[in-house]
Amino acid sequence: MTNQLFNLAIIVFSGIAYLFATMWVIKRWFGQDGMHTPAFITVRTAALVAASINLYGISEIASDAAYFFLESGNYWKAVSFSAAFFGSMWAASLVLIGASFLLVGLLTPEKERTQLEANNMELALSHAVILITLAFLISPALVRVANQFIPFPETPF
């Protein structure tokens, strides 16, 4: 029971840190001044949802890794593997958000920031759909890659 509670604490703390760090970076990218139009709010919310989709994907694998190491009494590896999984998925989420801005910028002739300041909801909703769809597409693949790093014992068959 103690291992399960410690595992839960690791996942909850890591998840909260992941979300707060994501919100902090999103606020820094969008800036603080004049970015309160519904179009900006839509894109910021979509970026947070996309990062949350990735968080959901990695949380199960991080929990499995932490529990595996906790069962063997290796608390340091339990915490470090979970932190590494959450950190790498966080970095992947930031790359996803940046790539989606690049993709939308290539697909539209307008300057995206200017259009969002002008409250162009069509552009904002298109960007939101691209962000969330890309998150749903890449999250399972990233989780499979992360799973390869857990040193589970080899089975003889």
N, C-alpha and C. Protein backbone atom coordinates (compact mmCIF):
# COMPACT_ATOMS: atom_id res chain seq x y z
N MET A 1 0.82 -1.20 0.00
CA MET A 1 0.00 0.00 0.00
C MET A 1 0.86 1.27 0.00
N THR A 2 1.99 1.23 0.70
CA THR A 2 2.88 2.39 0.76
C THR A 2 3.44 2.71 -0.62
N ASN A 3 3.80 1.67 -1.39
CA ASN A 3 4.33 1.90 -2.73
C ASN A 3 3.29 2.54 -3.64
N GLN A 4 2.04 2.10 -3.53
CA GLN A 4 1.00 2.69 -4.36
C GLN A 4 0.78 4.16 -4.02
N LEU A 5 0.81 4.49 -2.74
CA LEU A 5 0.63 5.89 -2.33
C LEU A 5 1.81 6.75 -2.77
N PHE A 6 3.03 6.19 -2.65
CA PHE A 6 4.20 6.93 -3.10
C PHE A 6 4.15 7.13 -4.62
N ASN A 7 3.73 6.11 -5.33
CA ASN A 7 3.57 6.20 -6.78
C ASN A 7 2.55 7.28 -7.13
N LEU A 8 1.43 7.28 -6.42
CA LEU A 8 0.40 8.29 -6.65
C LEU A 8 0.95 9.70 -6.39
N ALA A 9 1.71 9.85 -5.32
CA ALA A 9 2.29 11.16 -5.00
C ALA A 9 3.25 11.61 -6.10
N ILE A 10 4.05 10.69 -6.62
CA ILE A 10 4.98 11.03 -7.71
C ILE A 10 4.20 11.52 -8.93
N ILE A 11 3.16 10.79 -9.30
CA ILE A 11 2.39 11.12 -10.50
C ILE A 11 1.65 12.44 -10.31
N VAL A 12 1.04 12.65 -9.16
CA VAL A 12 0.29 13.90 -8.92
C VAL A 12 1.24 15.10 -8.94
N PHE A 13 2.35 14.99 -8.20
CA PHE A 13 3.31 16.10 -8.17
C PHE A 13 3.86 16.38 -9.57
N SER A 14 4.23 15.34 -10.29
CA SER A 14 4.78 15.52 -11.64
C SER A 14 3.74 16.13 -12.58
N GLY A 15 2.51 15.68 -12.48
CA GLY A 15 1.44 16.22 -13.33
C GLY A 15 1.18 17.69 -13.06
N ILE A 16 1.16 18.06 -11.79
CA ILE A 16 0.95 19.47 -11.44
C ILE A 16 2.11 20.32 -11.94
N ALA A 17 3.33 19.85 -11.73
CA ALA A 17 4.50 20.58 -12.21
C ALA A 17 4.46 20.73 -13.74
N TYR A 18 4.09 19.67 -14.43
CA TYR A 18 3.99 19.66 -15.89
C TYR A 18 3.00 20.73 -16.35
N LEU A 19 1.81 20.75 -15.75
CA LEU A 19 0.78 21.69 -16.19
C LEU A 19 1.15 23.14 -15.86
N PHE A 20 1.70 23.38 -14.68
CA PHE A 20 2.10 24.74 -14.34
C PHE A 20 3.24 25.22 -15.24
N ALA A 21 4.20 24.36 -15.52
CA ALA A 21 5.30 24.74 -16.41
C ALA A 21 4.78 25.02 -17.82
N THR A 22 3.83 24.22 -18.27
CA THR A 22 3.24 24.43 -19.60
C THR A 22 2.50 25.76 -19.65
N MET A 23 1.70 26.04 -18.62
CA MET A 23 0.97 27.32 -18.60
C MET A 23 1.94 28.49 -18.56
N TRP A 24 3.03 28.36 -17.80
CA TRP A 24 4.01 29.44 -17.71
C TRP A 24 4.64 29.71 -19.08
N VAL A 25 5.03 28.64 -19.79
CA VAL A 25 5.65 28.82 -21.11
C VAL A 25 4.65 29.40 -22.10
N ILE A 26 3.42 28.93 -22.07
CA ILE A 26 2.40 29.46 -22.99
C ILE A 26 2.18 30.95 -22.74
N LYS A 27 2.11 31.35 -21.48
CA LYS A 27 1.96 32.77 -21.16
C LYS A 27 3.15 33.58 -21.64
N ARG A 28 4.35 33.01 -21.52
CA ARG A 28 5.54 33.72 -21.98
C ARG A 28 5.53 33.87 -23.51
N TRP A 29 5.12 32.83 -24.21
CA TRP A 29 5.08 32.90 -25.68
C TRP A 29 4.08 33.93 -26.16
N PHE A 30 2.91 33.95 -25.53
CA PHE A 30 1.86 34.84 -25.98
C PHE A 30 1.98 36.24 -25.40
N GLY A 31 2.77 36.40 -24.37
CA GLY A 31 2.92 37.69 -23.73
C GLY A 31 1.72 38.02 -22.85
N GLN A 32 1.83 39.09 -22.14
CA GLN A 32 0.79 39.47 -21.18
C GLN A 32 -0.09 40.60 -21.70
N ASP A 33 0.43 41.44 -22.56
CA ASP A 33 -0.28 42.66 -22.95
C ASP A 33 -1.18 42.43 -24.15
N GLY A 34 -2.44 42.76 -24.01
CA GLY A 34 -3.37 42.75 -25.13
C GLY A 34 -3.69 41.39 -25.70
N MET A 35 -3.41 40.34 -24.97
CA MET A 35 -3.63 39.01 -25.51
C MET A 35 -4.86 38.37 -24.86
N HIS A 36 -5.87 39.16 -24.66
CA HIS A 36 -7.07 38.65 -24.01
C HIS A 36 -8.26 38.60 -24.95
N THR A 37 -8.00 38.59 -26.25
CA THR A 37 -9.10 38.44 -27.19
C THR A 37 -9.56 36.98 -27.17
N PRO A 38 -10.80 36.74 -27.53
CA PRO A 38 -11.27 35.34 -27.58
C PRO A 38 -10.42 34.45 -28.49
N ALA A 39 -9.85 35.01 -29.55
CA ALA A 39 -9.01 34.22 -30.45
C ALA A 39 -7.74 33.76 -29.73
N PHE A 40 -7.09 34.65 -29.02
CA PHE A 40 -5.89 34.27 -28.26
C PHE A 40 -6.23 33.27 -27.16
N ILE A 41 -7.34 33.50 -26.49
CA ILE A 41 -7.75 32.58 -25.42
C ILE A 41 -8.02 31.20 -25.99
N THR A 42 -8.61 31.13 -27.17
CA THR A 42 -8.89 29.85 -27.83
C THR A 42 -7.60 29.10 -28.14
N VAL A 43 -6.61 29.80 -28.69
CA VAL A 43 -5.35 29.14 -29.04
C VAL A 43 -4.59 28.73 -27.78
N ARG A 44 -4.57 29.59 -26.76
CA ARG A 44 -3.90 29.23 -25.51
C ARG A 44 -4.56 28.02 -24.86
N THR A 45 -5.87 27.97 -24.87
CA THR A 45 -6.58 26.83 -24.30
C THR A 45 -6.29 25.57 -25.09
N ALA A 46 -6.27 25.67 -26.41
CA ALA A 46 -5.97 24.51 -27.25
C ALA A 46 -4.54 24.01 -26.99
N ALA A 47 -3.61 24.92 -26.78
CA ALA A 47 -2.24 24.51 -26.48
C ALA A 47 -2.18 23.77 -25.16
N LEU A 48 -2.92 24.24 -24.17
CA LEU A 48 -2.96 23.55 -22.88
C LEU A 48 -3.65 22.19 -23.00
N VAL A 49 -4.70 22.11 -23.80
CA VAL A 49 -5.38 20.82 -24.02
C VAL A 49 -4.44 19.84 -24.72
N ALA A 50 -3.71 20.31 -25.72
CA ALA A 50 -2.77 19.43 -26.43
C ALA A 50 -1.69 18.92 -25.47
N ALA A 51 -1.17 19.79 -24.64
CA ALA A 51 -0.17 19.35 -23.66
C ALA A 51 -0.78 18.37 -22.66
N SER A 52 -2.04 18.57 -22.32
CA SER A 52 -2.73 17.66 -21.39
C SER A 52 -2.97 16.29 -22.00
N ILE A 53 -3.22 16.24 -23.29
CA ILE A 53 -3.37 14.96 -23.98
C ILE A 53 -2.06 14.18 -23.88
N ASN A 54 -0.95 14.87 -24.09
CA ASN A 54 0.35 14.22 -23.96
C ASN A 54 0.61 13.81 -22.51
N LEU A 55 0.20 14.63 -21.57
CA LEU A 55 0.35 14.30 -20.15
C LEU A 55 -0.41 13.03 -19.81
N TYR A 56 -1.62 12.93 -20.30
CA TYR A 56 -2.43 11.74 -20.06
C TYR A 56 -1.74 10.50 -20.63
N GLY A 57 -1.18 10.65 -21.83
CA GLY A 57 -0.51 9.52 -22.46
C GLY A 57 0.69 9.03 -21.68
N ILE A 58 1.49 9.96 -21.16
CA ILE A 58 2.73 9.55 -20.49
C ILE A 58 2.49 9.14 -19.04
N SER A 59 1.39 9.55 -18.45
CA SER A 59 1.19 9.28 -17.02
C SER A 59 1.10 7.78 -16.72
N GLU A 60 0.50 7.01 -17.59
CA GLU A 60 0.39 5.57 -17.34
C GLU A 60 1.77 4.90 -17.39
N ILE A 61 2.56 5.25 -18.37
CA ILE A 61 3.88 4.63 -18.50
C ILE A 61 4.78 5.08 -17.35
N ALA A 62 4.67 6.35 -16.93
CA ALA A 62 5.45 6.84 -15.80
C ALA A 62 5.04 6.13 -14.52
N SER A 63 3.75 5.89 -14.37
CA SER A 63 3.26 5.18 -13.19
C SER A 63 3.75 3.74 -13.18
N ASP A 64 3.72 3.08 -14.33
CA ASP A 64 4.23 1.71 -14.43
C ASP A 64 5.71 1.64 -14.08
N ALA A 65 6.48 2.59 -14.60
CA ALA A 65 7.92 2.60 -14.32
C ALA A 65 8.17 2.85 -12.84
N ALA A 66 7.47 3.82 -12.27
CA ALA A 66 7.67 4.13 -10.85
C ALA A 66 7.30 2.92 -9.99
N TYR A 67 6.19 2.29 -10.31
CA TYR A 67 5.76 1.14 -9.51
C TYR A 67 6.76 -0.02 -9.63
N PHE A 68 7.29 -0.23 -10.83
CA PHE A 68 8.28 -1.28 -11.05
C PHE A 68 9.51 -1.04 -10.15
N PHE A 69 10.00 0.18 -10.12
CA PHE A 69 11.17 0.48 -9.30
C PHE A 69 10.83 0.51 -7.81
N LEU A 70 9.65 0.95 -7.45
CA LEU A 70 9.26 0.95 -6.03
C LEU A 70 9.16 -0.46 -5.49
N GLU A 71 8.68 -1.38 -6.30
CA GLU A 71 8.57 -2.78 -5.86
C GLU A 71 9.94 -3.39 -5.60
N SER A 72 10.96 -2.90 -6.31
CA SER A 72 12.31 -3.42 -6.08
C SER A 72 13.06 -2.59 -5.04
N GLY A 73 12.38 -1.59 -4.45
CA GLY A 73 12.98 -0.79 -3.40
C GLY A 73 13.88 0.33 -3.87
N ASN A 74 13.86 0.62 -5.15
CA ASN A 74 14.73 1.66 -5.70
C ASN A 74 13.93 2.95 -5.87
N TYR A 75 13.84 3.73 -4.80
CA TYR A 75 13.04 4.95 -4.79
C TYR A 75 13.63 6.03 -5.69
N TRP A 76 14.94 6.11 -5.73
CA TRP A 76 15.59 7.11 -6.57
C TRP A 76 15.24 6.90 -8.05
N LYS A 77 15.33 5.66 -8.52
CA LYS A 77 14.99 5.40 -9.93
C LYS A 77 13.50 5.63 -10.19
N ALA A 78 12.66 5.33 -9.22
CA ALA A 78 11.22 5.56 -9.39
C ALA A 78 10.95 7.04 -9.65
N VAL A 79 11.56 7.89 -8.86
CA VAL A 79 11.35 9.32 -9.02
C VAL A 79 12.03 9.84 -10.28
N SER A 80 13.27 9.39 -10.53
CA SER A 80 14.01 9.92 -11.68
C SER A 80 13.41 9.47 -13.01
N PHE A 81 12.96 8.22 -13.11
CA PHE A 81 12.33 7.78 -14.36
C PHE A 81 11.04 8.54 -14.61
N SER A 82 10.24 8.71 -13.57
CA SER A 82 8.99 9.46 -13.74
C SER A 82 9.26 10.89 -14.16
N ALA A 83 10.23 11.52 -13.50
CA ALA A 83 10.58 12.90 -13.86
C ALA A 83 11.09 12.97 -15.29
N ALA A 84 11.89 11.99 -15.70
CA ALA A 84 12.40 11.98 -17.07
C ALA A 84 11.27 11.80 -18.09
N PHE A 85 10.32 10.92 -17.78
CA PHE A 85 9.19 10.72 -18.71
C PHE A 85 8.34 11.98 -18.82
N PHE A 86 8.02 12.59 -17.68
CA PHE A 86 7.22 13.81 -17.71
C PHE A 86 7.99 14.94 -18.38
N GLY A 87 9.27 15.06 -18.09
CA GLY A 87 10.09 16.11 -18.69
C GLY A 87 10.22 15.96 -20.20
N SER A 88 10.43 14.75 -20.64
CA SER A 88 10.56 14.54 -22.09
C SER A 88 9.24 14.77 -22.81
N MET A 89 8.13 14.38 -22.19
CA MET A 89 6.83 14.64 -22.82
C MET A 89 6.51 16.13 -22.80
N TRP A 90 6.96 16.82 -21.76
CA TRP A 90 6.76 18.26 -21.70
C TRP A 90 7.52 18.94 -22.84
N ALA A 91 8.76 18.52 -23.05
CA ALA A 91 9.55 19.07 -24.15
C ALA A 91 8.89 18.75 -25.50
N ALA A 92 8.38 17.53 -25.65
CA ALA A 92 7.69 17.15 -26.88
C ALA A 92 6.44 18.00 -27.08
N SER A 93 5.74 18.31 -26.00
CA SER A 93 4.55 19.16 -26.10
C SER A 93 4.91 20.57 -26.56
N LEU A 94 6.01 21.10 -26.05
CA LEU A 94 6.44 22.43 -26.47
C LEU A 94 6.85 22.43 -27.94
N VAL A 95 7.51 21.36 -28.37
CA VAL A 95 7.86 21.24 -29.79
C VAL A 95 6.59 21.15 -30.64
N LEU A 96 5.62 20.40 -30.16
CA LEU A 96 4.34 20.28 -30.86
C LEU A 96 3.66 21.64 -31.01
N ILE A 97 3.63 22.40 -29.93
CA ILE A 97 2.98 23.71 -29.98
C ILE A 97 3.73 24.63 -30.95
N GLY A 98 5.05 24.63 -30.88
CA GLY A 98 5.83 25.44 -31.81
C GLY A 98 5.66 25.00 -33.26
N ALA A 99 5.64 23.67 -33.47
CA ALA A 99 5.46 23.15 -34.83
C ALA A 99 4.09 23.50 -35.39
N SER A 100 3.09 23.50 -34.53
CA SER A 100 1.75 23.85 -35.02
C SER A 100 1.69 25.31 -35.44
N PHE A 101 2.39 26.20 -34.72
CA PHE A 101 2.45 27.59 -35.14
C PHE A 101 3.16 27.71 -36.48
N LEU A 102 4.22 26.94 -36.67
CA LEU A 102 4.93 26.95 -37.94
C LEU A 102 4.02 26.44 -39.06
N LEU A 103 3.31 25.35 -38.80
CA LEU A 103 2.40 24.78 -39.80
C LEU A 103 1.30 25.76 -40.18
N VAL A 104 0.67 26.36 -39.18
CA VAL A 104 -0.40 27.32 -39.46
C VAL A 104 0.17 28.53 -40.19
N GLY A 105 1.37 28.96 -39.81
CA GLY A 105 2.02 30.07 -40.50
C GLY A 105 2.30 29.78 -41.96
N LEU A 106 2.63 28.53 -42.27
CA LEU A 106 2.88 28.15 -43.66
C LEU A 106 1.59 28.02 -44.46
N LEU A 107 0.50 27.66 -43.78
CA LEU A 107 -0.76 27.44 -44.47
C LEU A 107 -1.57 28.71 -44.70
N THR A 108 -1.27 29.75 -43.96
CA THR A 108 -2.03 30.99 -44.10
C THR A 108 -1.10 32.13 -44.49
N PRO A 109 -1.57 33.02 -45.38
CA PRO A 109 -0.71 34.13 -45.79
C PRO A 109 -0.64 35.25 -44.74
N GLU A 110 -1.57 35.28 -43.80
CA GLU A 110 -1.60 36.34 -42.82
C GLU A 110 -0.58 36.11 -41.72
N LYS A 111 -0.21 37.20 -41.06
CA LYS A 111 0.61 37.08 -39.86
C LYS A 111 -0.30 36.62 -38.74
N GLU A 112 0.02 35.48 -38.16
CA GLU A 112 -0.89 34.86 -37.20
C GLU A 112 -1.11 35.73 -35.97
N ARG A 113 -0.08 36.28 -35.42
CA ARG A 113 -0.21 37.10 -34.21
C ARG A 113 -1.12 38.31 -34.46
N THR A 114 -0.95 38.95 -35.62
CA THR A 114 -1.79 40.11 -35.96
C THR A 114 -3.25 39.69 -36.09
N GLN A 115 -3.46 38.54 -36.72
CA GLN A 115 -4.83 38.06 -36.90
C GLN A 115 -5.48 37.67 -35.56
N LEU A 116 -4.70 37.09 -34.66
CA LEU A 116 -5.25 36.74 -33.34
C LEU A 116 -5.54 38.00 -32.53
N GLU A 117 -4.69 39.02 -32.66
CA GLU A 117 -4.97 40.29 -31.99
C GLU A 117 -6.22 40.94 -32.55
N ALA A 118 -6.49 40.71 -33.85
CA ALA A 118 -7.70 41.24 -34.48
C ALA A 118 -8.91 40.34 -34.23
N ASN A 119 -8.73 39.32 -33.39
CA ASN A 119 -9.79 38.39 -32.99
C ASN A 119 -10.33 37.57 -34.16
N ASN A 120 -9.43 37.07 -35.00
CA ASN A 120 -9.81 36.21 -36.12
C ASN A 120 -10.09 34.81 -35.56
N MET A 121 -11.37 34.54 -35.30
CA MET A 121 -11.75 33.26 -34.69
C MET A 121 -11.60 32.10 -35.66
N GLU A 122 -11.72 32.33 -36.95
CA GLU A 122 -11.53 31.25 -37.93
C GLU A 122 -10.12 30.70 -37.84
N LEU A 123 -9.15 31.61 -37.79
CA LEU A 123 -7.76 31.19 -37.67
C LEU A 123 -7.51 30.52 -36.32
N ALA A 124 -8.08 31.08 -35.26
CA ALA A 124 -7.89 30.52 -33.93
C ALA A 124 -8.46 29.11 -33.83
N LEU A 125 -9.66 28.91 -34.36
CA LEU A 125 -10.27 27.58 -34.30
C LEU A 125 -9.52 26.58 -35.18
N SER A 126 -9.04 27.03 -36.34
CA SER A 126 -8.24 26.15 -37.20
C SER A 126 -6.97 25.73 -36.48
N HIS A 127 -6.33 26.70 -35.83
CA HIS A 127 -5.11 26.39 -35.10
C HIS A 127 -5.41 25.44 -33.94
N ALA A 128 -6.51 25.65 -33.25
CA ALA A 128 -6.88 24.79 -32.13
C ALA A 128 -7.10 23.35 -32.60
N VAL A 129 -7.77 23.18 -33.71
CA VAL A 129 -8.01 21.84 -34.24
C VAL A 129 -6.70 21.17 -34.63
N ILE A 130 -5.81 21.92 -35.26
CA ILE A 130 -4.50 21.36 -35.65
C ILE A 130 -3.71 20.94 -34.42
N LEU A 131 -3.66 21.79 -33.41
CA LEU A 131 -2.93 21.47 -32.18
C LEU A 131 -3.45 20.19 -31.53
N ILE A 132 -4.75 20.13 -31.34
CA ILE A 132 -5.34 19.00 -30.62
C ILE A 132 -5.22 17.72 -31.44
N THR A 133 -5.42 17.82 -32.75
CA THR A 133 -5.29 16.64 -33.61
C THR A 133 -3.86 16.11 -33.61
N LEU A 134 -2.88 17.00 -33.72
CA LEU A 134 -1.48 16.56 -33.68
C LEU A 134 -1.15 15.90 -32.35
N ALA A 135 -1.70 16.42 -31.26
CA ALA A 135 -1.44 15.81 -29.95
C ALA A 135 -2.01 14.40 -29.91
N PHE A 136 -3.22 14.22 -30.40
CA PHE A 136 -3.81 12.87 -30.42
C PHE A 136 -3.01 11.93 -31.32
N LEU A 137 -2.41 12.44 -32.38
CA LEU A 137 -1.64 11.59 -33.30
C LEU A 137 -0.29 11.18 -32.74
N ILE A 138 0.42 12.11 -32.12
CA ILE A 138 1.79 11.79 -31.71
C ILE A 138 1.90 11.19 -30.31
N SER A 139 0.92 11.43 -29.47
CA SER A 139 1.02 10.96 -28.08
C SER A 139 1.23 9.45 -27.97
N PRO A 140 0.45 8.61 -28.66
CA PRO A 140 0.70 7.16 -28.54
C PRO A 140 2.08 6.74 -29.01
N ALA A 141 2.57 7.36 -30.06
CA ALA A 141 3.91 7.01 -30.56
C ALA A 141 4.99 7.41 -29.55
N LEU A 142 4.85 8.57 -28.95
CA LEU A 142 5.82 9.00 -27.94
C LEU A 142 5.79 8.09 -26.72
N VAL A 143 4.63 7.62 -26.35
CA VAL A 143 4.50 6.70 -25.21
C VAL A 143 5.20 5.38 -25.52
N ARG A 144 5.04 4.88 -26.75
CA ARG A 144 5.72 3.63 -27.12
C ARG A 144 7.24 3.79 -27.08
N VAL A 145 7.72 4.93 -27.51
CA VAL A 145 9.16 5.19 -27.44
C VAL A 145 9.61 5.22 -25.98
N ALA A 146 8.86 5.91 -25.13
CA ALA A 146 9.21 6.02 -23.71
C ALA A 146 9.21 4.65 -23.04
N ASN A 147 8.30 3.78 -23.45
CA ASN A 147 8.20 2.45 -22.86
C ASN A 147 9.46 1.63 -23.07
N GLN A 148 10.19 1.91 -24.14
CA GLN A 148 11.41 1.16 -24.44
C GLN A 148 12.53 1.44 -23.45
N PHE A 149 12.42 2.53 -22.69
CA PHE A 149 13.48 2.90 -21.76
C PHE A 149 13.33 2.27 -20.38
N ILE A 150 12.21 1.63 -20.11
CA ILE A 150 12.02 0.98 -18.81
C ILE A 150 12.72 -0.38 -18.86
N PRO A 151 13.64 -0.64 -17.95
CA PRO A 151 14.39 -1.90 -18.00
C PRO A 151 13.63 -3.07 -17.37
N PHE A 152 12.48 -3.40 -17.95
CA PHE A 152 11.73 -4.54 -17.45
C PHE A 152 12.57 -5.80 -17.66
N PRO A 153 12.43 -6.79 -16.78
CA PRO A 153 13.20 -8.03 -16.98
C PRO A 153 12.74 -8.77 -18.22
N GLU A 154 13.68 -9.43 -18.86
CA GLU A 154 13.37 -10.22 -20.05
C GLU A 154 12.67 -11.51 -19.64
N THR A 155 11.64 -11.86 -20.38
CA THR A 155 10.96 -13.13 -20.12
C THR A 155 11.57 -14.21 -21.01
N PRO A 156 11.62 -15.46 -20.54
CA PRO A 156 12.28 -16.50 -21.32
C PRO A 156 11.49 -16.96 -22.53
N PHE A 157 10.25 -16.57 -22.67
CA PHE A 157 9.46 -17.03 -23.83
C PHE A 157 8.81 -15.90 -24.54
